[in-house]
């Protein structure tokens, strides 16, 4: 600050040095955004993705698409201006058509990435759901390694969404504890909490379904034997989670009818529970194993099911297995950052690329009906402008202000 008091000196504005690097051609907008993400990265996977972007991986990809559009634009304009000239080949527009179609397919493939890069940048939204008093708040506290949520034996303690950020296996996770789900809630506040829990779960990337192991054990004792498959099926329907689980599994073969019996023998792994656990978007946790009367019997009941995590939040037995499973699921949800296959990381990029594809579609539409080539060429210009806005070759001060405001230092 002492230098700032000298004549001709002043403190740098937020992002000023980076802005100068951009205007000086040292960095483009994707590289600037990568630098900002690197500064704010909290996990190893985030740092890798941001570093690759700052090094120019996305920039090289988008610039190659921009060059293709410039090349096509040049040929279209040459055809418009000199179509009667013998030096213009007759199949010029066919060549342009093929190039633009290939480019459109590549961009669409890039867009269909499951939002891996954006999810990694912003954090994987993970929700813990289940009946009251199954240990959801305890699980949140264990995963985040601090007593963030109140834990009591009183059902309905948690009313609102409690969100915490955690680093699981190098991936950023936003873990949400929710109100216990039940159909007989009479308190209006609890009902609102349950409604919010369902709404949050609908939007979550990963659902952790918590079941009380002692209740399943009691059910087995009462009914002599009930398969875990049928128990989970009934549990999901009772909590009105069937649409959420079906969305996450995305399987038409999944049966979610109350009271549905196992279609397979108990020794078969082709069952409802395995289908849920086979999805990267859902994990089934059996909590309170420390309170079981017959641990061996429970193990025998679950031995034919793959992916069930049996644990105790009290003793933390089984927590390492849950963390391993979460890391595996997070890897599938976010992918592994690589230089070879850069992912979309910003909603801004996605919007411009979507608009670019729309412009190319309009070009093909005009070309197919024998429309005015000049109008078709305008759509290629628009597509080029959208790509340029991503890297900053076509920019506005408003875009720059939004990007650079996130820098707290030069």
Protein backbone atom coordinates (compact mmCIF):
# COMPACT_ATOMS: atom_id res chain seq x y z
CA UNK A 1 0.00 0.00 0.00
CA UNK A 2 2.99 2.31 0.53
CA UNK A 3 3.71 2.34 -3.22
CA UNK A 4 0.16 3.47 -3.85
CA UNK A 5 0.92 6.74 -2.06
CA UNK A 6 3.72 7.61 -4.47
CA UNK A 7 3.07 9.85 -7.45
CA UNK A 8 2.20 7.82 -10.54
CA UNK A 9 1.39 4.64 -8.59
CA UNK A 10 -1.94 3.14 -7.56
CA UNK A 11 -3.22 -0.26 -6.37
CA UNK A 12 -4.26 -2.60 -9.18
CA UNK A 13 -7.98 -3.05 -9.73
CA UNK A 14 -9.45 -6.56 -9.32
CA UNK A 15 -8.36 -8.63 -12.31
CA UNK A 16 -6.47 -5.74 -13.90
CA UNK A 17 -3.28 -7.63 -14.74
CA UNK A 18 -5.29 -10.50 -16.20
CA UNK A 19 -7.43 -8.07 -18.18
CA UNK A 20 -4.26 -6.51 -19.61
CA UNK A 21 -3.00 -9.98 -20.53
CA UNK A 22 -6.28 -10.57 -22.35
CA UNK A 23 -6.18 -7.26 -24.22
CA UNK A 24 -2.52 -7.88 -25.03
CA UNK A 25 -3.36 -11.22 -26.63
CA UNK A 26 -1.56 -13.31 -24.01
CA UNK A 27 -4.77 -15.02 -22.85
CA UNK A 28 -8.17 -15.52 -24.42
CA UNK A 29 -11.42 -15.60 -22.43
CA UNK A 30 -11.46 -19.37 -21.89
CA UNK A 31 -7.91 -19.19 -20.52
CA UNK A 32 -8.88 -16.26 -18.29
CA UNK A 33 -11.83 -18.28 -16.97
CA UNK A 34 -9.49 -21.22 -16.40
CA UNK A 35 -7.21 -18.99 -14.33
CA UNK A 36 -10.17 -17.77 -12.27
CA UNK A 37 -11.30 -21.36 -11.70
CA UNK A 38 -7.77 -22.35 -10.67
CA UNK A 39 -7.71 -19.56 -8.09
CA UNK A 40 -11.02 -20.70 -6.64
CA UNK A 41 -10.43 -24.47 -6.95
CA UNK A 42 -10.84 -26.43 -3.72
CA UNK A 43 -10.17 -30.00 -4.85
CA UNK A 44 -7.54 -31.78 -6.92
CA UNK A 45 -9.93 -32.61 -9.77
CA UNK A 46 -11.04 -28.97 -9.95
CA UNK A 47 -7.42 -27.82 -10.07
CA UNK A 48 -6.61 -30.21 -12.91
CA UNK A 49 -9.58 -29.14 -14.98
CA UNK A 50 -8.87 -25.45 -14.40
CA UNK A 51 -5.16 -25.87 -15.18
CA UNK A 52 -5.87 -27.66 -18.47
CA UNK A 53 -8.28 -24.89 -19.44
CA UNK A 54 -5.81 -22.17 -18.46
CA UNK A 55 -3.18 -23.91 -20.62
CA UNK A 56 -5.46 -23.45 -23.62
CA UNK A 57 -7.11 -26.85 -24.15
CA UNK A 58 -10.59 -25.42 -24.70
CA UNK A 59 -9.14 -22.47 -26.57
CA UNK A 60 -7.43 -24.72 -29.12
CA UNK A 61 -10.63 -26.72 -29.62
CA UNK A 62 -12.88 -23.70 -30.10
CA UNK A 63 -10.34 -21.91 -32.30
CA UNK A 64 -10.18 -24.95 -34.59
CA UNK A 65 -13.97 -24.74 -34.97
CA UNK A 66 -13.70 -21.01 -35.57
CA UNK A 67 -11.14 -21.59 -38.32
CA UNK A 68 -13.48 -24.11 -39.97
CA UNK A 69 -16.29 -21.55 -39.93
CA UNK A 70 -14.00 -18.83 -41.31
CA UNK A 71 -12.93 -21.16 -44.11
CA UNK A 72 -16.53 -22.03 -44.94
CA UNK A 73 -17.56 -18.38 -44.74
CA UNK A 74 -14.80 -17.44 -47.19
CA UNK A 75 -15.96 -20.08 -49.66
CA UNK A 76 -19.62 -19.05 -49.37
CA UNK A 77 -18.80 -15.39 -49.92
CA UNK A 78 -16.55 -16.28 -52.85
CA UNK A 79 -19.40 -18.28 -54.35
CA UNK A 80 -21.78 -15.35 -53.89
CA UNK A 81 -19.40 -12.83 -55.46
CA UNK A 82 -17.84 -14.98 -58.18
CA UNK A 83 -20.29 -17.82 -58.83
CA UNK A 84 -20.18 -17.14 -62.55
CA UNK A 85 -16.41 -17.09 -62.60
CA UNK A 86 -14.83 -20.20 -64.06
CA UNK A 87 -12.32 -20.29 -61.19
CA UNK A 88 -15.06 -21.23 -58.69
CA UNK A 89 -15.66 -24.96 -58.62
CA UNK A 90 -19.25 -26.10 -59.04
CA UNK A 91 -19.14 -28.30 -55.94
CA UNK A 92 -17.94 -25.50 -53.66
CA UNK A 93 -21.24 -25.32 -51.78
CA UNK A 94 -21.36 -29.11 -51.41
CA UNK A 95 -17.93 -29.05 -49.80
CA UNK A 96 -19.07 -26.28 -47.45
CA UNK A 97 -22.22 -28.24 -46.63
CA UNK A 98 -20.21 -31.33 -45.65
CA UNK A 99 -17.75 -29.34 -43.55
CA UNK A 100 -20.52 -27.56 -41.67
CA UNK A 101 -22.43 -30.80 -41.10
CA UNK A 102 -19.31 -32.45 -39.67
CA UNK A 103 -18.71 -29.41 -37.46
CA UNK A 104 -22.29 -29.45 -36.23
CA UNK A 105 -21.98 -33.13 -35.27
CA UNK A 106 -18.73 -32.47 -33.39
CA UNK A 107 -20.26 -29.55 -31.47
CA UNK A 108 -23.36 -31.57 -30.59
CA UNK A 109 -21.15 -34.37 -29.30
CA UNK A 110 -19.27 -31.81 -27.19
CA UNK A 111 -22.58 -30.52 -25.80
CA UNK A 112 -23.78 -34.04 -24.95
CA UNK A 113 -21.21 -34.49 -22.19
CA UNK A 114 -23.68 -34.93 -19.35
CA UNK A 115 -22.48 -31.57 -17.93
CA UNK A 116 -19.43 -33.29 -16.45
CA UNK A 117 -17.20 -30.23 -16.58
CA UNK A 118 -19.81 -27.87 -15.18
CA UNK A 119 -20.63 -30.34 -12.41
CA UNK A 120 -16.95 -30.62 -11.49
CA UNK A 121 -16.52 -26.84 -11.52
CA UNK A 122 -19.62 -26.05 -9.45
CA UNK A 123 -19.78 -29.13 -7.20
CA UNK A 124 -21.81 -32.34 -7.32
CA UNK A 125 -25.17 -31.80 -5.63
CA UNK A 126 -25.64 -34.77 -3.31
CA UNK A 127 -28.77 -35.29 -1.22
CA UNK A 128 -29.28 -37.60 1.77
CA UNK A 129 -32.88 -38.87 1.99
CA UNK A 130 -34.79 -41.35 4.12
CA UNK A 131 -37.30 -41.71 6.93
CA UNK A 132 -37.00 -39.65 10.13
CA UNK A 133 -34.34 -40.87 12.55
CA UNK A 134 -32.50 -43.17 10.15
CA UNK A 135 -29.27 -41.22 10.68
CA UNK A 136 -29.25 -38.72 7.82
CA UNK A 137 -27.90 -35.83 9.92
CA UNK A 138 -25.36 -38.12 11.57
CA UNK A 139 -24.17 -39.24 8.14
CA UNK A 140 -23.82 -35.61 7.01
CA UNK A 141 -21.72 -34.82 10.08
CA UNK A 142 -19.49 -37.86 9.53
CA UNK A 143 -18.94 -37.10 5.83
CA UNK A 144 -18.13 -33.44 6.54
CA UNK A 145 -16.13 -34.24 9.68
CA UNK A 146 -17.90 -31.67 11.84
CA UNK A 147 -21.16 -31.38 13.84
CA UNK A 148 -22.98 -29.20 11.32
CA UNK A 149 -26.45 -30.72 11.73
CA UNK A 150 -28.33 -31.18 15.00
CA UNK A 151 -28.72 -34.84 15.93
CA UNK A 152 -31.44 -35.91 18.40
CA UNK A 153 -33.64 -39.00 18.89
CA UNK A 154 -36.68 -36.79 18.24
CA UNK A 155 -38.22 -37.48 14.84
CA UNK A 156 -38.49 -34.43 12.60
CA UNK A 157 -35.56 -32.47 14.07
CA UNK A 158 -34.33 -31.45 10.62
CA UNK A 159 -36.88 -29.20 8.92
CA UNK A 160 -34.94 -27.28 6.29
CA UNK A 161 -32.19 -28.15 3.82
CA UNK A 162 -28.72 -28.13 5.41
CA UNK A 163 -25.98 -27.82 2.76
CA UNK A 164 -22.27 -28.35 3.34
CA UNK A 165 -19.29 -28.47 0.98
CA UNK A 166 -16.95 -31.45 1.14
CA UNK A 167 -13.99 -32.90 -0.72
CA UNK A 168 -14.68 -36.55 -1.50
CA UNK A 169 -11.89 -38.35 -3.33
CA UNK A 170 -10.68 -35.08 -4.87
CA UNK A 171 -14.12 -34.12 -6.15
CA UNK A 172 -16.17 -31.15 -4.90
CA UNK A 173 -19.45 -32.21 -3.32
CA UNK A 174 -22.36 -30.17 -1.98
CA UNK A 175 -24.00 -32.52 0.53
CA UNK A 176 -27.54 -31.73 1.66
CA UNK A 177 -29.27 -33.11 4.74
CA UNK A 178 -33.05 -33.09 4.39
CA UNK A 179 -36.18 -33.49 6.48
CA UNK A 180 -37.19 -37.07 7.23
CA UNK A 181 -39.79 -38.29 4.73
CA UNK A 182 -43.09 -39.61 6.03
CA UNK A 183 -46.75 -39.46 5.06
CA UNK A 184 -48.27 -38.79 8.49
CA UNK A 185 -46.63 -35.43 9.24
CA UNK A 186 -49.20 -33.11 10.86
CA UNK A 187 -46.95 -30.12 11.50
CA UNK A 188 -47.15 -27.57 8.65
CA UNK A 189 -43.47 -26.69 9.06
CA UNK A 190 -42.46 -30.35 8.78
CA UNK A 191 -44.69 -30.77 5.72
CA UNK A 192 -42.92 -27.86 4.06
CA UNK A 193 -39.57 -29.43 4.93
CA UNK A 194 -40.64 -32.72 3.35
CA UNK A 195 -41.81 -30.87 0.23
CA UNK A 196 -38.45 -29.12 -0.03
CA UNK A 197 -36.63 -32.43 0.45
CA UNK A 198 -38.48 -33.95 -2.50
CA UNK A 199 -37.83 -30.88 -4.66
CA UNK A 200 -34.11 -30.89 -3.82
CA UNK A 201 -33.81 -34.62 -4.51
CA UNK A 202 -35.38 -34.11 -7.94
CA UNK A 203 -32.53 -31.76 -8.89
CA UNK A 204 -29.69 -33.64 -7.18
CA UNK A 205 -26.86 -35.29 -9.10
CA UNK A 206 -26.42 -38.05 -6.52
CA UNK A 207 -29.00 -39.49 -4.10
CA UNK A 208 -27.94 -41.32 -0.93
CA UNK A 209 -30.90 -43.37 0.31
CA UNK A 210 -30.53 -44.17 4.03
CA UNK A 211 -32.34 -47.15 5.58
CA UNK A 212 -32.47 -48.12 9.26
CA UNK A 213 -30.92 -51.60 9.51
CA UNK A 214 -32.77 -52.34 12.77
CA UNK A 215 -36.15 -51.76 11.11
CA UNK A 216 -35.32 -54.18 8.32
CA UNK A 217 -34.14 -56.72 10.91
CA UNK A 218 -37.42 -56.30 12.82
CA UNK A 219 -39.37 -56.79 9.59
CA UNK A 220 -37.47 -60.00 8.84
CA UNK A 221 -38.15 -61.28 12.36
CA UNK A 222 -41.84 -60.40 12.16
CA UNK A 223 -42.44 -61.94 8.72
CA UNK A 224 -39.99 -64.83 9.16
CA UNK A 225 -38.30 -63.71 5.95
CA UNK A 226 -38.66 -60.72 3.65
CA UNK A 227 -36.17 -60.04 0.89
CA UNK A 228 -34.21 -56.81 0.95
CA UNK A 229 -35.33 -56.35 -2.64
CA UNK A 230 -39.00 -56.18 -1.64
CA UNK A 231 -38.23 -54.12 1.46
CA UNK A 232 -36.42 -51.42 -0.52
CA UNK A 233 -39.15 -51.42 -3.16
CA UNK A 234 -41.80 -50.82 -0.50
CA UNK A 235 -39.61 -48.26 1.31
CA UNK A 236 -39.12 -46.16 -1.83
CA UNK A 237 -42.82 -46.17 -2.63
CA UNK A 238 -43.77 -45.30 0.95
CA UNK A 239 -41.48 -42.26 0.89
CA UNK A 240 -42.76 -41.25 -2.57
CA UNK A 241 -39.27 -41.43 -4.03
CA UNK A 242 -40.20 -43.69 -6.94
CA UNK A 243 -40.07 -40.94 -9.59
CA UNK A 244 -36.73 -39.70 -8.29
CA UNK A 245 -35.15 -43.15 -8.24
CA UNK A 246 -36.59 -43.94 -11.66
CA UNK A 247 -35.17 -40.66 -13.03
CA UNK A 248 -31.76 -41.41 -11.61
CA UNK A 249 -31.72 -44.99 -12.83
CA UNK A 250 -33.44 -44.16 -16.13
CA UNK A 251 -34.47 -47.77 -16.58
CA UNK A 252 -37.81 -48.85 -18.01
CA UNK A 253 -37.27 -52.30 -16.58
CA UNK A 254 -37.38 -51.04 -13.01
CA UNK A 255 -40.63 -52.03 -11.32
CA UNK A 256 -41.86 -49.72 -8.57
CA UNK A 257 -45.21 -51.14 -7.55
CA UNK A 258 -46.07 -51.27 -3.88
CA UNK A 259 -45.92 -54.80 -2.61
CA UNK A 260 -44.18 -56.05 -5.74
CA UNK A 261 -42.60 -59.46 -5.22
CA UNK A 262 -39.18 -60.43 -6.44
CA UNK A 263 -39.35 -61.68 -9.99
CA UNK A 264 -36.05 -63.47 -9.46
CA UNK A 265 -34.87 -65.91 -6.84
CA UNK A 266 -33.07 -64.57 -3.80
CA UNK A 267 -29.80 -65.92 -5.17
CA UNK A 268 -30.08 -63.90 -8.35
CA UNK A 269 -28.25 -60.62 -8.74
CA UNK A 270 -30.72 -59.50 -11.42
CA UNK A 271 -32.97 -57.55 -9.08
CA UNK A 272 -34.38 -54.17 -8.23
CA UNK A 273 -31.74 -53.25 -5.64
CA UNK A 274 -28.85 -54.09 -7.95
CA UNK A 275 -30.39 -51.95 -10.69
CA UNK A 276 -30.45 -48.98 -8.30
CA UNK A 277 -26.91 -49.61 -7.06
CA UNK A 278 -25.72 -50.02 -10.64
CA UNK A 279 -26.50 -46.37 -11.30
CA UNK A 280 -23.88 -43.69 -10.69
CA UNK A 281 -26.67 -41.45 -9.37
CA UNK A 282 -27.88 -43.51 -6.42
CA UNK A 283 -26.34 -45.18 -3.36
CA UNK A 284 -28.22 -47.30 -0.79
CA UNK A 285 -26.91 -47.05 2.77
CA UNK A 286 -27.97 -49.39 5.58
CA UNK A 287 -27.25 -47.49 8.81
CA UNK A 288 -27.22 -48.45 12.52
CA UNK A 289 -25.54 -51.82 12.00
CA UNK A 290 -24.06 -51.44 15.50
CA UNK A 291 -27.58 -51.97 16.91
CA UNK A 292 -28.30 -55.23 15.07
CA UNK A 293 -29.05 -58.34 17.11
CA UNK A 294 -27.99 -60.78 14.40
CA UNK A 295 -25.16 -59.34 12.30
CA UNK A 296 -24.47 -62.70 10.63
CA UNK A 297 -28.10 -63.08 9.62
CA UNK A 298 -28.10 -59.61 8.12
CA UNK A 299 -24.93 -60.34 6.14
CA UNK A 300 -26.50 -63.52 4.77
CA UNK A 301 -29.61 -61.58 3.77
CA UNK A 302 -27.55 -59.03 1.85
CA UNK A 303 -24.87 -61.27 0.35
CA UNK A 304 -26.63 -61.56 -3.02
CA UNK A 305 -26.90 -57.79 -3.48
CA UNK A 306 -24.09 -55.78 -5.01
CA UNK A 307 -23.30 -52.29 -3.86
CA UNK A 308 -25.21 -52.07 -0.56
CA UNK A 309 -23.20 -50.04 1.96
CA UNK A 310 -23.80 -51.31 5.51
CA UNK A 311 -22.39 -48.95 8.12
CA UNK A 312 -22.70 -47.31 11.50
CA UNK A 313 -22.47 -43.54 11.79
CA UNK A 314 -21.86 -43.99 15.52
CA UNK A 315 -18.79 -46.23 15.23
CA UNK A 316 -17.94 -45.12 11.65
CA UNK A 317 -17.60 -48.76 10.69
CA UNK A 318 -18.29 -48.95 6.93
CA UNK A 319 -17.66 -45.24 6.29
CA UNK A 320 -14.46 -45.94 4.27
CA UNK A 321 -16.49 -48.23 2.00
CA UNK A 322 -19.07 -45.47 1.51
CA UNK A 323 -16.35 -42.94 0.65
CA UNK A 324 -14.88 -45.37 -1.89
CA UNK A 325 -18.30 -45.89 -3.45
CA UNK A 326 -18.96 -42.14 -3.55
CA UNK A 327 -15.59 -41.53 -5.19
CA UNK A 328 -16.40 -44.13 -7.83
CA UNK A 329 -19.78 -42.54 -8.52
CA UNK A 330 -18.30 -39.04 -8.59
CA UNK A 331 -15.70 -40.17 -11.12
CA UNK A 332 -18.51 -41.40 -13.37
CA UNK A 333 -20.51 -38.19 -12.86
CA UNK A 334 -17.61 -35.78 -13.41
CA UNK A 335 -15.16 -37.81 -15.44
CA UNK A 336 -11.42 -37.41 -15.13
CA UNK A 337 -10.04 -34.10 -16.43
CA UNK A 338 -7.72 -34.65 -19.37
CA UNK A 339 -5.85 -32.59 -21.93
CA UNK A 340 -7.11 -34.81 -24.74
CA UNK A 341 -10.84 -34.39 -24.08
CA UNK A 342 -11.59 -30.96 -22.59
CA UNK A 343 -15.09 -30.56 -21.17
CA UNK A 344 -17.50 -27.68 -21.14
CA UNK A 345 -17.06 -25.79 -17.88
CA UNK A 346 -19.26 -22.71 -18.23
CA UNK A 347 -22.96 -22.25 -18.92
CA UNK A 348 -21.88 -19.28 -21.07
CA UNK A 349 -19.99 -21.64 -23.39
CA UNK A 350 -22.92 -24.03 -23.56
CA UNK A 351 -25.35 -21.28 -24.53
CA UNK A 352 -23.13 -19.93 -27.31
CA UNK A 353 -22.48 -23.42 -28.70
CA UNK A 354 -26.20 -24.21 -28.60
CA UNK A 355 -26.89 -20.99 -30.49
CA UNK A 356 -24.12 -21.87 -32.94
CA UNK A 357 -25.77 -25.22 -33.71
CA UNK A 358 -29.12 -23.44 -34.17
CA UNK A 359 -27.51 -21.11 -36.73
CA UNK A 360 -26.04 -24.06 -38.62
CA UNK A 361 -29.45 -25.75 -38.64
CA UNK A 362 -30.93 -22.58 -40.10
CA UNK A 363 -28.20 -22.58 -42.76
CA UNK A 364 -29.03 -26.18 -43.74
CA UNK A 365 -32.73 -25.31 -43.81
CA UNK A 366 -32.17 -22.38 -46.16
CA UNK A 367 -29.83 -24.42 -48.35
CA UNK A 368 -32.25 -27.35 -48.59
CA UNK A 369 -35.12 -25.26 -49.91
CA UNK A 370 -32.93 -23.45 -52.41
CA UNK A 371 -33.08 -20.25 -50.39
CA UNK A 372 -31.08 -17.13 -50.87
CA UNK A 373 -27.39 -17.96 -50.47
CA UNK A 374 -26.83 -14.50 -48.99
CA UNK A 375 -29.30 -15.25 -46.18
CA UNK A 376 -27.72 -18.65 -45.62
CA UNK A 377 -24.30 -17.01 -45.41
CA UNK A 378 -25.60 -14.72 -42.68
CA UNK A 379 -26.33 -17.78 -40.51
CA UNK A 380 -22.71 -18.90 -40.89
CA UNK A 381 -21.62 -15.41 -39.79
CA UNK A 382 -23.85 -15.70 -36.73
CA UNK A 383 -22.42 -19.13 -35.90
CA UNK A 384 -18.91 -17.70 -36.22
CA UNK A 385 -19.84 -14.81 -33.94
CA UNK A 386 -21.08 -17.21 -31.24
CA UNK A 387 -17.82 -19.16 -31.28
CA UNK A 388 -15.90 -15.89 -31.19
CA UNK A 389 -17.80 -14.74 -28.12
CA UNK A 390 -16.58 -17.81 -26.22
CA UNK A 391 -12.90 -17.08 -26.74
CA UNK A 392 -13.20 -13.29 -26.84
CA UNK A 393 -12.52 -12.74 -30.53
CA UNK A 394 -15.93 -11.10 -30.56
CA UNK A 395 -16.63 -9.53 -27.19
CA UNK A 396 -18.45 -6.79 -25.36
CA UNK A 397 -17.50 -4.87 -22.25
CA UNK A 398 -20.44 -6.47 -20.45
CA UNK A 399 -19.01 -9.96 -20.98
CA UNK A 400 -15.58 -8.82 -19.83
CA UNK A 401 -16.98 -7.18 -16.70
CA UNK A 402 -18.80 -10.38 -15.71
CA UNK A 403 -15.65 -12.47 -16.11
CA UNK A 404 -13.11 -10.15 -14.48
CA UNK A 405 -15.26 -9.20 -11.50
CA UNK A 406 -14.52 -12.62 -9.95
CA UNK A 407 -10.84 -11.71 -9.57
CA UNK A 408 -10.10 -10.22 -6.16
CA UNK A 409 -6.50 -9.37 -7.14
CA UNK A 410 -4.77 -8.40 -10.37
